[in-house]
Amino acid sequence: MPSLKPALEKPLALITGADGGMGTEITRAVAQAGYRVLMASCRRQKAEAVRRMLLRERPDLDIEVRRLDLACLRGVAAFADQLVREGRLVSLLMNCAGTMETGLHITEDGLERTVSVNYVGPYLLTRKLLPLLGPGSRVVNMVSCTYAVGRLRFPEFFRRGRKGGFWRIPVYSNSKLALTLFTLSLAARVQGRGVTVNAADPGIVSTDIITMHMWFDPLTDLFFRPFIRTPRQGADTAIRLLLDKEPGEHTGCLYASGRVKPLSAKYTHHPQMQELWDRTEDLLHNLGIQLPPL
């Protein structure tokens, strides 16, 4: 019998927060498109349940669960270092994980938890994985329309999320502004490598984040329910950015409802963009975390 040629490896996709509502939809779409998907989640048991559900739908899907807690930066670094040692090119990196903390919670690294999960963790993961990103690789960051009301004040942004008392919505907005600015900054820095970096605004989506368990929840539901999207609808823009041909030809863009949303100079030339980058790099350096050169 003639020897069989080994099957070509599937392209690799890494999705954080892959067990959430939108994360599940993105995982399903990317896996069905023929990628080997690494589901990264801090809730391994839930992620395994999602994996089993997706495999019941399509037993031929190639999905693996790995634990990743974006609130533990040394753990993020170790996670990324392991992938670098494995040496597989990352074709798609979807930074989907997010949180909106209901109170001031400080991580072991001394950061406000929303800021760590929504911004510093994705920043670190992406920077660490740069050696695995090559021509044609795509990075998509899940942002939020709330970036428009975000404000960056240092050093409070990292340590408390904002100046003054803790209030979850401004802290969340600040973290999403930071992630948006990181998207623009990184896109410019890696453009010569053929790597695209874009942001997806899912709109207002029915996920755990908007369940606040407060007395005004029924009113929130009453007024905003007509405008709230399902997880599949919210994930649609990110899925297009990951899989469609046209978005792969653009970088440094914000997409909403499947289309480019023009950003004003207020964001594309934000006066704190470089400062945010430098302060984040210094923070990680001071924690003893080494980053690869750009």
Protein backbone atom coordinates (compact mmCIF):
# COMPACT_ATOMS: atom_id res chain seq x y z
CA MET A 1 0.00 0.00 0.00
CA PRO A 2 1.26 3.50 -0.74
CA SER A 3 2.07 5.55 2.36
CA LEU A 4 -0.46 8.23 3.19
CA LYS A 5 0.66 11.81 3.46
CA PRO A 6 0.05 13.29 6.91
CA ALA A 7 -3.00 15.50 7.08
CA LEU A 8 -2.28 19.20 7.03
CA GLU A 9 -2.72 20.86 10.39
CA LYS A 10 -5.78 23.00 10.76
CA PRO A 11 -5.15 26.71 11.32
CA LEU A 12 -5.23 27.61 15.03
CA ALA A 13 -7.68 30.01 16.65
CA LEU A 14 -7.52 31.15 20.29
CA ILE A 15 -10.71 32.54 21.83
CA THR A 16 -10.79 33.95 25.36
CA GLY A 17 -14.05 33.95 27.29
CA ALA A 18 -15.08 31.14 24.97
CA ASP A 19 -17.63 29.73 27.42
CA GLY A 20 -19.70 32.94 27.54
CA GLY A 21 -22.73 33.69 25.39
CA MET A 22 -20.88 35.45 22.59
CA GLY A 23 -17.77 33.34 23.13
CA THR A 24 -19.76 30.17 22.53
CA GLU A 25 -21.19 31.57 19.29
CA ILE A 26 -17.76 32.66 18.09
CA THR A 27 -16.27 29.28 19.00
CA ARG A 28 -19.01 27.48 17.08
CA ALA A 29 -18.59 29.61 13.95
CA VAL A 30 -14.79 29.46 13.91
CA ALA A 31 -14.65 25.71 14.56
CA GLN A 32 -17.24 25.08 11.85
CA ALA A 33 -15.09 27.15 9.48
CA GLY A 34 -12.36 24.52 9.85
CA TYR A 35 -10.13 25.92 12.58
CA ARG A 36 -8.65 24.12 15.55
CA VAL A 37 -10.05 26.18 18.42
CA LEU A 38 -8.48 26.66 21.83
CA MET A 39 -11.23 27.73 24.22
CA ALA A 40 -9.55 29.83 26.90
CA SER A 41 -11.62 30.29 30.04
CA CYS A 42 -11.23 30.79 33.78
CA ARG A 43 -14.28 28.53 34.24
CA ARG A 44 -12.97 25.24 32.95
CA GLN A 45 -15.99 23.16 33.97
CA LYS A 46 -18.39 25.47 32.13
CA ALA A 47 -16.10 25.60 29.10
CA GLU A 48 -15.94 21.80 28.99
CA ALA A 49 -19.75 21.70 29.04
CA VAL A 50 -19.86 24.12 26.10
CA ARG A 51 -17.30 22.00 24.25
CA ARG A 52 -19.37 18.85 24.74
CA MET A 53 -22.47 20.65 23.49
CA LEU A 54 -20.68 21.83 20.34
CA LEU A 55 -19.29 18.37 19.68
CA ARG A 56 -22.76 16.86 19.99
CA GLU A 57 -23.81 19.22 17.21
CA ARG A 58 -20.77 18.47 15.08
CA PRO A 59 -18.55 15.57 16.26
CA ASP A 60 -15.91 16.48 13.67
CA LEU A 61 -15.10 19.85 15.28
CA ASP A 62 -11.58 20.30 16.67
CA ILE A 63 -11.94 22.06 20.03
CA GLU A 64 -9.73 22.06 23.14
CA VAL A 65 -10.28 23.78 26.49
CA ARG A 66 -7.44 25.48 28.34
CA ARG A 67 -7.71 27.43 31.57
CA LEU A 68 -6.85 31.12 31.43
CA ASP A 69 -7.57 33.68 34.15
CA LEU A 70 -7.00 37.21 32.87
CA ALA A 71 -7.07 38.51 36.46
CA CYS A 72 -3.77 36.67 37.13
CA LEU A 73 -1.09 38.23 34.96
CA ARG A 74 1.63 35.72 35.77
CA GLY A 75 -0.83 33.00 34.78
CA VAL A 76 -1.51 34.82 31.50
CA ALA A 77 2.23 35.00 30.84
CA ALA A 78 2.65 31.28 31.57
CA PHE A 79 -0.30 30.42 29.31
CA ALA A 80 1.20 32.41 26.43
CA ASP A 81 4.70 31.07 27.02
CA GLN A 82 3.38 27.52 26.71
CA LEU A 83 1.79 28.32 23.36
CA VAL A 84 5.03 29.89 22.16
CA ARG A 85 6.92 26.74 23.15
CA GLU A 86 4.42 24.66 21.16
CA GLY A 87 5.28 26.82 18.17
CA ARG A 88 1.94 26.76 16.35
CA LEU A 89 1.13 29.84 14.29
CA VAL A 90 -1.96 31.56 15.71
CA SER A 91 -4.17 32.48 12.77
CA LEU A 92 -6.96 34.04 14.85
CA LEU A 93 -6.77 35.63 18.30
CA MET A 94 -10.15 36.66 19.67
CA ASN A 95 -9.99 38.64 22.91
CA CYS A 96 -13.62 38.14 23.92
CA ALA A 97 -13.46 37.74 27.71
CA GLY A 98 -14.84 40.59 29.77
CA THR A 99 -16.26 41.48 33.14
CA MET A 100 -18.05 44.31 34.93
CA GLU A 101 -17.32 43.96 38.62
CA THR A 102 -20.05 44.99 41.05
CA GLY A 103 -17.56 46.27 43.64
CA LEU A 104 -13.91 47.13 44.06
CA HIS A 105 -11.95 43.88 43.76
CA ILE A 106 -8.16 44.03 43.68
CA THR A 107 -6.22 41.23 41.98
CA GLU A 108 -3.07 39.61 43.30
CA ASP A 109 -1.15 41.95 40.98
CA GLY A 110 -2.67 45.01 42.68
CA LEU A 111 -4.99 45.90 39.80
CA GLU A 112 -8.70 46.61 39.74
CA ARG A 113 -10.20 43.39 38.41
CA THR A 114 -12.30 44.86 35.58
CA VAL A 115 -9.23 46.63 34.23
CA SER A 116 -7.13 43.47 34.47
CA VAL A 117 -9.66 41.21 32.72
CA ASN A 118 -10.83 43.69 30.10
CA TYR A 119 -7.56 45.41 29.25
CA VAL A 120 -4.27 44.46 30.88
CA GLY A 121 -4.78 40.69 30.52
CA PRO A 122 -5.67 40.89 26.80
CA TYR A 123 -2.79 43.33 26.26
CA LEU A 124 -0.35 40.92 27.88
CA LEU A 125 -1.71 37.87 26.08
CA THR A 126 -1.54 39.56 22.69
CA ARG A 127 1.94 41.01 23.24
CA LYS A 128 3.25 37.63 24.40
CA LEU A 129 1.80 35.85 21.36
CA LEU A 130 3.25 38.24 18.79
CA PRO A 131 5.97 35.71 17.80
CA LEU A 132 3.15 33.35 16.73
CA LEU A 133 1.31 35.94 14.65
CA GLY A 134 2.33 36.00 11.00
CA PRO A 135 1.07 37.29 7.66
CA GLY A 136 -2.67 36.75 7.51
CA SER A 137 -3.12 36.45 11.28
CA ARG A 138 -6.02 38.41 12.72
CA VAL A 139 -6.46 39.90 16.19
CA VAL A 140 -9.96 40.98 17.19
CA ASN A 141 -10.67 42.78 20.46
CA MET A 142 -14.22 42.86 21.81
CA VAL A 143 -14.84 46.43 22.90
CA SER A 144 -18.06 48.28 23.73
CA CYS A 145 -19.89 51.43 22.72
CA THR A 146 -19.17 52.63 26.27
CA TYR A 147 -15.59 53.47 25.21
CA ALA A 148 -17.08 56.81 24.15
CA VAL A 149 -17.62 57.84 27.78
CA GLY A 150 -14.36 56.35 29.06
CA ARG A 151 -11.71 58.47 30.73
CA LEU A 152 -8.12 57.58 31.56
CA ARG A 153 -6.61 59.07 34.68
CA PHE A 154 -3.30 57.70 35.90
CA PRO A 155 -2.29 56.02 38.11
CA GLU A 156 -5.85 55.44 39.37
CA PHE A 157 -6.89 53.68 36.14
CA PHE A 158 -4.84 50.58 36.92
CA ARG A 159 -5.26 50.46 40.67
CA ARG A 160 -8.90 51.51 41.14
CA GLY A 161 -10.32 51.81 37.64
CA ARG A 162 -11.09 55.50 38.07
CA LYS A 163 -10.48 58.50 40.27
CA GLY A 164 -12.79 58.69 43.27
CA GLY A 165 -15.16 56.03 44.53
CA PHE A 166 -15.79 52.81 42.68
CA TRP A 167 -18.65 52.84 40.18
CA ARG A 168 -18.80 49.86 37.88
CA ILE A 169 -20.11 51.50 34.69
CA PRO A 170 -17.39 54.20 34.43
CA VAL A 171 -14.71 51.63 35.34
CA TYR A 172 -16.01 49.29 32.64
CA SER A 173 -16.12 52.17 30.13
CA ASN A 174 -12.56 53.17 30.99
CA SER A 175 -11.32 49.63 30.43
CA LYS A 176 -13.03 49.46 27.03
CA LEU A 177 -11.54 52.81 26.00
CA ALA A 178 -8.12 51.44 26.91
CA LEU A 179 -8.74 48.29 24.85
CA THR A 180 -9.86 50.41 21.89
CA LEU A 181 -6.70 52.54 22.07
CA PHE A 182 -4.59 49.38 22.35
CA THR A 183 -6.24 48.10 19.18
CA LEU A 184 -5.31 51.25 17.26
CA SER A 185 -1.79 51.40 18.66
CA LEU A 186 -0.95 47.74 18.08
CA ALA A 187 -2.38 47.81 14.56
CA ALA A 188 0.03 50.59 13.62
CA ARG A 189 2.99 48.80 15.20
CA VAL A 190 2.49 45.43 13.47
CA GLN A 191 1.07 46.58 10.15
CA GLY A 192 4.30 45.71 8.33
CA ARG A 193 3.97 42.07 9.40
CA GLY A 194 0.71 41.49 7.59
CA VAL A 195 -1.16 41.09 10.89
CA THR A 196 -4.53 42.82 11.18
CA VAL A 197 -5.80 44.17 14.49
CA ASN A 198 -9.39 45.37 14.74
CA ALA A 199 -12.07 45.99 17.36
CA ALA A 200 -15.63 44.69 17.42
CA ASP A 201 -18.48 46.55 19.11
CA PRO A 202 -21.26 44.01 19.74
CA GLY A 203 -23.87 46.53 20.84
CA ILE A 204 -25.97 45.86 23.95
CA VAL A 205 -26.06 42.09 24.32
CA SER A 206 -28.00 39.83 26.66
CA THR A 207 -25.08 38.37 28.64
CA ASP A 208 -24.16 37.94 32.30
CA ILE A 209 -22.45 41.36 32.25
CA ILE A 210 -25.72 43.31 32.01
CA THR A 211 -27.36 41.29 34.81
CA MET A 212 -26.62 43.53 37.77
CA HIS A 213 -28.95 41.99 40.33
CA MET A 214 -30.00 45.40 41.56
CA TRP A 215 -33.42 46.89 42.31
CA PHE A 216 -33.52 48.75 38.97
CA ASP A 217 -33.05 45.62 36.86
CA PRO A 218 -36.77 45.32 35.95
CA LEU A 219 -36.77 48.93 34.75
CA THR A 220 -33.58 48.37 32.79
CA ASP A 221 -35.14 45.33 31.16
CA LEU A 222 -38.37 47.17 30.35
CA PHE A 223 -36.71 50.13 28.66
CA PHE A 224 -33.78 48.44 26.95
CA ARG A 225 -35.11 44.98 26.05
CA PRO A 226 -36.19 46.07 22.53
CA PHE A 227 -32.59 47.14 21.82
CA ILE A 228 -30.78 44.19 23.42
CA ARG A 229 -29.24 41.70 21.01
CA THR A 230 -28.96 37.95 21.44
CA PRO A 231 -25.45 36.55 21.95
CA ARG A 232 -25.47 35.35 18.33
CA GLN A 233 -26.41 38.79 17.07
CA GLY A 234 -23.79 40.40 19.29
CA ALA A 235 -21.12 37.97 18.11
CA ASP A 236 -21.86 38.55 14.43
CA THR A 237 -19.48 41.48 13.94
CA ALA A 238 -16.58 39.65 15.61
CA ILE A 239 -17.26 36.52 13.54
CA ARG A 240 -17.16 38.58 10.36
CA LEU A 241 -13.89 40.17 11.41
CA LEU A 242 -12.39 36.74 12.04
CA LEU A 243 -13.68 34.90 9.00
CA ASP A 244 -14.79 37.20 6.17
CA LYS A 245 -12.36 38.23 3.44
CA GLU A 246 -13.03 41.98 3.41
CA PRO A 247 -12.19 42.72 7.08
CA GLY A 248 -8.91 40.85 6.63
CA GLU A 249 -7.83 43.63 4.31
CA HIS A 250 -8.25 46.37 6.93
CA THR A 251 -6.50 47.06 10.22
CA GLY A 252 -6.82 49.54 13.04
CA CYS A 253 -10.57 49.80 12.59
CA LEU A 254 -13.62 49.65 14.83
CA TYR A 255 -16.49 47.59 13.43
CA ALA A 256 -20.10 47.77 14.59
CA SER A 257 -23.11 45.98 13.08
CA GLY A 258 -20.73 44.34 10.61
CA ARG A 259 -19.41 47.60 9.18
CA VAL A 260 -16.53 49.97 9.80
CA LYS A 261 -17.48 52.66 12.28
CA PRO A 262 -15.34 55.74 11.59
CA LEU A 263 -13.49 57.02 14.63
CA SER A 264 -12.83 60.70 15.14
CA ALA A 265 -9.36 62.12 15.71
CA LYS A 266 -10.30 62.21 19.40
CA TYR A 267 -9.53 58.48 19.39
CA THR A 268 -7.21 57.91 16.42
CA HIS A 269 -4.91 60.61 17.82
CA HIS A 270 -5.85 60.26 21.46
CA PRO A 271 -3.42 62.33 23.57
CA GLN A 272 -2.97 59.46 26.06
CA MET A 273 -2.49 56.61 23.58
CA GLN A 274 1.30 56.53 23.90
CA GLU A 275 1.18 57.13 27.65
CA LEU A 276 -1.22 54.22 28.08
CA TRP A 277 1.09 51.94 26.10
CA ASP A 278 4.17 53.04 28.05
CA ARG A 279 2.50 52.74 31.44
CA THR A 280 1.19 49.26 30.61
CA GLU A 281 4.63 48.11 29.48
CA ASP A 282 6.19 49.53 32.66
CA LEU A 283 3.55 47.88 34.85
CA LEU A 284 4.27 44.46 33.33
CA HIS A 285 8.04 45.02 33.55
CA ASN A 286 7.71 45.91 37.23
CA LEU A 287 5.85 42.63 37.77
CA GLY A 288 8.83 40.79 36.32
CA ILE A 289 7.02 39.81 33.11
CA GLN A 290 9.18 39.79 30.00
CA LEU A 291 7.65 40.84 26.70
CA PRO A 292 8.96 40.01 23.23
CA PRO A 293 10.29 42.86 21.13
CA LEU A 294 7.91 44.42 18.65
